[in-house]
Amino acid sequence: MFDNQMRRLKDVVFAPLGQVLGHIPPASFTLMALLLGVGTAVALYFQLYLVAFLGWFFNRVFDALDGVVARQQGSQSDFGGYLDIVSDFVVYAVIPIGLVLGRPSATGFMLLAVLLACYYVNAASWIYLAAILEKRAIGAALRGEQTAVTMPAGLIGGTETIVFYALFILFPGWYLWLFALLAALVVLTIFQRLVWAYRRIR
């Protein structure tokens, strides 16, 4: 919901650091973010919640730096954008898995399955829509978005997911309620995009 505003803010906040690290290939930051995300999941499995929170924080820092550095270098590429989104999807999957494996329960596994199923449908709801918008030349470039392809806004986007994952890690005892709430909001987002698409791309 707030992703476009946060991307602009991210560029301002990380611009100085990006200039210092500008000699490093942007894909290096993407891969470091991936390793930190997987490390966060491992820390959650072992119930090392402070370590997990630090891993999540630095995952987000490195995930921000790849795009900032690429724009400063003028080296944005379709492959870079593709690698970034695949890395994000891996991280978004393994963190709740690590959390549930570290605090297993039948309800936890059920809600994990529901949450990941919602992610699966949500991914289709925006990725295919983004492809159609790019095909019609009304995608990221026309909208002034700083991404490889447009990411149609919804109730739950990247910014909101970051907040929820921070809550998962900080309040692991509440993860059942947080999973259920996030899944419900993702379902609402799917319907929101379906309505948006019905009205605009028929």
Protein backbone atom coordinates (compact mmCIF):
# COMPACT_ATOMS: atom_id res chain seq x y z
CA MET A 1 0.00 0.00 0.00
CA PHE A 2 2.87 2.37 0.79
CA ASP A 3 5.54 0.79 -1.42
CA ASN A 4 5.99 3.64 -3.89
CA GLN A 5 6.45 6.18 -1.10
CA MET A 6 8.84 3.87 0.74
CA ARG A 7 10.94 3.31 -2.39
CA ARG A 8 11.45 7.06 -2.74
CA LEU A 9 12.30 7.36 0.96
CA LYS A 10 14.65 4.38 0.68
CA ASP A 11 16.59 6.06 -2.12
CA VAL A 12 17.07 9.18 0.01
CA VAL A 13 18.05 7.30 3.19
CA PHE A 14 20.45 4.87 1.52
CA ALA A 15 21.92 7.23 -1.10
CA PRO A 16 25.04 8.12 0.99
CA LEU A 17 25.77 4.47 1.79
CA GLY A 18 25.14 3.55 -1.83
CA GLN A 19 27.76 6.06 -2.94
CA VAL A 20 30.33 4.58 -0.56
CA LEU A 21 29.56 1.04 -1.78
CA GLY A 22 29.01 2.02 -5.40
CA HIS A 23 31.96 -0.03 -6.67
CA ILE A 24 30.25 -3.30 -5.64
CA PRO A 25 27.99 -5.09 -8.18
CA PRO A 26 24.31 -4.71 -7.18
CA ALA A 27 23.71 -8.47 -7.44
CA SER A 28 26.14 -8.93 -4.54
CA PHE A 29 23.72 -7.07 -2.27
CA THR A 30 20.83 -9.19 -3.53
CA LEU A 31 22.67 -12.42 -2.76
CA MET A 32 23.76 -11.15 0.67
CA ALA A 33 20.13 -10.26 1.41
CA LEU A 34 19.14 -13.81 0.42
CA LEU A 35 21.75 -15.35 2.73
CA LEU A 36 20.67 -13.12 5.60
CA GLY A 37 17.02 -14.05 5.02
CA VAL A 38 17.78 -17.76 5.09
CA GLY A 39 19.95 -17.17 8.17
CA THR A 40 16.99 -15.45 9.81
CA ALA A 41 14.87 -18.56 9.23
CA VAL A 42 17.58 -20.76 10.74
CA ALA A 43 17.82 -18.48 13.79
CA LEU A 44 14.05 -18.71 14.22
CA TYR A 45 14.24 -22.49 14.11
CA PHE A 46 16.70 -22.37 17.01
CA GLN A 47 14.57 -19.70 18.78
CA LEU A 48 17.38 -17.14 18.60
CA TYR A 49 14.98 -14.26 18.21
CA LEU A 50 17.42 -11.37 18.68
CA VAL A 51 19.74 -12.91 16.08
CA ALA A 52 16.72 -13.43 13.83
CA PHE A 53 15.64 -9.81 14.18
CA LEU A 54 19.13 -8.58 13.32
CA GLY A 55 19.18 -10.92 10.34
CA TRP A 56 15.83 -9.57 9.16
CA PHE A 57 16.95 -5.96 9.65
CA PHE A 58 20.11 -6.42 7.62
CA ASN A 59 18.25 -8.47 5.02
CA ARG A 60 16.11 -5.40 4.41
CA VAL A 61 19.15 -3.10 4.33
CA PHE A 62 20.92 -5.19 1.69
CA ASP A 63 17.67 -5.64 -0.24
CA ALA A 64 17.37 -1.85 -0.38
CA LEU A 65 21.00 -1.33 -1.39
CA ASP A 66 20.87 -3.45 -4.54
CA GLY A 67 18.38 -1.13 -6.20
CA VAL A 68 19.94 2.06 -4.84
CA VAL A 69 23.41 1.10 -6.06
CA ALA A 70 22.08 -0.08 -9.44
CA ARG A 71 20.34 3.25 -10.01
CA GLN A 72 23.39 5.23 -8.94
CA GLN A 73 25.60 3.16 -11.26
CA GLY A 74 23.07 3.32 -14.07
CA SER A 75 23.34 -0.46 -14.19
CA GLN A 76 19.71 -1.49 -13.68
CA SER A 77 18.90 -4.66 -15.57
CA ASP A 78 15.95 -6.93 -16.12
CA PHE A 79 17.94 -9.83 -14.69
CA GLY A 80 18.75 -7.79 -11.57
CA GLY A 81 15.07 -7.08 -11.00
CA TYR A 82 14.24 -10.74 -11.61
CA LEU A 83 16.92 -11.96 -9.20
CA ASP A 84 15.70 -9.51 -6.56
CA ILE A 85 12.06 -10.65 -6.67
CA VAL A 86 12.99 -14.36 -6.66
CA SER A 87 15.25 -13.75 -3.65
CA ASP A 88 12.46 -11.90 -1.84
CA PHE A 89 10.00 -14.73 -2.45
CA VAL A 90 12.46 -17.28 -1.06
CA VAL A 91 12.95 -15.20 2.08
CA TYR A 92 9.22 -14.56 2.54
CA ALA A 93 8.66 -18.33 2.41
CA VAL A 94 11.47 -19.62 4.63
CA ILE A 95 11.02 -17.18 7.54
CA PRO A 96 7.52 -18.32 8.59
CA ILE A 97 8.61 -21.92 7.96
CA GLY A 98 11.57 -21.47 10.31
CA LEU A 99 9.34 -19.86 12.91
CA VAL A 100 6.82 -22.73 12.90
CA LEU A 101 9.51 -25.44 12.90
CA GLY A 102 11.03 -23.75 15.94
CA ARG A 103 7.68 -23.62 17.77
CA PRO A 104 5.76 -26.53 16.21
CA SER A 105 2.07 -27.15 16.71
CA ALA A 106 -0.71 -28.63 14.62
CA THR A 107 -2.43 -25.24 14.42
CA GLY A 108 0.84 -23.60 13.51
CA PHE A 109 1.42 -25.94 10.57
CA MET A 110 -2.17 -25.47 9.41
CA LEU A 111 -1.91 -21.67 9.50
CA LEU A 112 1.49 -21.82 7.82
CA ALA A 113 -0.08 -23.79 4.97
CA VAL A 114 -2.92 -21.25 4.72
CA LEU A 115 -0.49 -18.32 4.73
CA LEU A 116 1.77 -19.81 2.06
CA ALA A 117 -1.27 -20.73 -0.06
CA CYS A 118 -2.45 -17.11 0.18
CA TYR A 119 1.03 -15.97 -0.90
CA TYR A 120 0.87 -18.33 -3.87
CA VAL A 121 -2.43 -16.93 -5.12
CA ASN A 122 -1.39 -13.36 -4.30
CA ALA A 123 1.78 -13.78 -6.35
CA ALA A 124 -0.29 -14.81 -9.36
CA SER A 125 -2.69 -11.92 -8.76
CA TRP A 126 -0.03 -9.27 -9.16
CA ILE A 127 2.69 -10.89 -11.28
CA TYR A 128 0.39 -11.77 -14.17
CA LEU A 129 -1.38 -8.42 -13.85
CA ALA A 130 2.02 -6.70 -13.95
CA ALA A 131 2.87 -8.63 -17.14
CA ILE A 132 -0.37 -7.48 -18.78
CA LEU A 133 0.26 -3.86 -17.79
CA GLU A 134 3.81 -4.00 -19.18
CA LYS A 135 2.49 -5.62 -22.38
CA ARG A 136 0.06 -2.73 -22.79
CA ALA A 137 2.88 -0.22 -22.12
CA ILE A 138 1.11 1.11 -19.04
CA GLY A 139 3.51 -0.39 -16.54
CA ALA A 140 6.42 0.77 -14.41
CA ALA A 141 7.92 3.29 -16.84
CA LEU A 142 4.61 5.10 -17.45
CA ARG A 143 3.81 5.11 -13.74
CA GLY A 144 7.24 6.43 -12.78
CA GLU A 145 7.97 3.37 -10.61
CA GLN A 146 11.55 2.47 -9.72
CA THR A 147 11.08 -1.25 -10.34
CA ALA A 148 11.70 -3.57 -13.28
CA VAL A 149 7.95 -4.12 -13.68
CA THR A 150 4.98 -2.40 -12.15
CA MET A 151 3.75 -3.68 -8.82
CA PRO A 152 0.02 -2.88 -8.67
CA ALA A 153 -0.79 -1.43 -5.26
CA GLY A 154 -2.79 -3.42 -2.75
CA LEU A 155 -3.68 -3.46 0.91
CA ILE A 156 -0.68 -5.72 1.61
CA GLY A 157 2.51 -4.94 -0.27
CA GLY A 158 6.20 -5.11 0.49
CA THR A 159 6.12 -2.46 3.21
CA GLU A 160 3.31 -4.11 5.13
CA THR A 161 4.96 -7.53 4.77
CA ILE A 162 8.17 -6.15 6.29
CA VAL A 163 6.19 -4.89 9.29
CA PHE A 164 4.39 -8.20 9.77
CA TYR A 165 7.62 -10.20 9.56
CA ALA A 166 9.22 -7.95 12.16
CA LEU A 167 6.21 -8.68 14.39
CA PHE A 168 6.56 -12.44 13.75
CA ILE A 169 10.13 -12.26 15.03
CA LEU A 170 9.58 -9.86 17.92
CA PHE A 171 6.44 -11.61 19.19
CA PRO A 172 6.87 -15.29 18.29
CA GLY A 173 4.28 -16.34 20.87
CA TRP A 174 1.66 -14.47 18.85
CA TYR A 175 2.54 -15.95 15.49
CA LEU A 176 -0.72 -17.92 15.15
CA TRP A 177 -2.78 -14.73 15.37
CA LEU A 178 -0.34 -12.79 13.19
CA PHE A 179 -0.36 -15.51 10.50
CA ALA A 180 -4.17 -15.55 10.49
CA LEU A 181 -4.39 -11.75 10.28
CA LEU A 182 -1.83 -11.49 7.49
CA ALA A 183 -3.51 -14.29 5.52
CA ALA A 184 -6.88 -12.55 5.80
CA LEU A 185 -5.40 -9.23 4.64
CA VAL A 186 -3.64 -10.94 1.72
CA VAL A 187 -6.98 -12.46 0.63
CA LEU A 188 -8.53 -8.99 0.73
CA THR A 189 -5.63 -7.72 -1.38
CA ILE A 190 -6.24 -10.44 -3.97
CA PHE A 191 -9.89 -9.41 -4.31
CA GLN A 192 -8.87 -5.75 -4.39
CA ARG A 193 -6.60 -6.40 -7.38
CA LEU A 194 -9.25 -8.53 -9.11
CA VAL A 195 -11.72 -5.65 -8.87
CA TRP A 196 -9.07 -3.18 -10.07
CA ALA A 197 -8.20 -5.40 -13.03
CA TYR A 198 -11.88 -6.02 -13.93
CA ARG A 199 -12.48 -2.29 -14.13
CA ARG A 200 -9.35 -1.40 -16.13
CA ILE A 201 -8.10 -4.20 -18.40
CA ARG A 202 -11.21 -5.88 -19.78
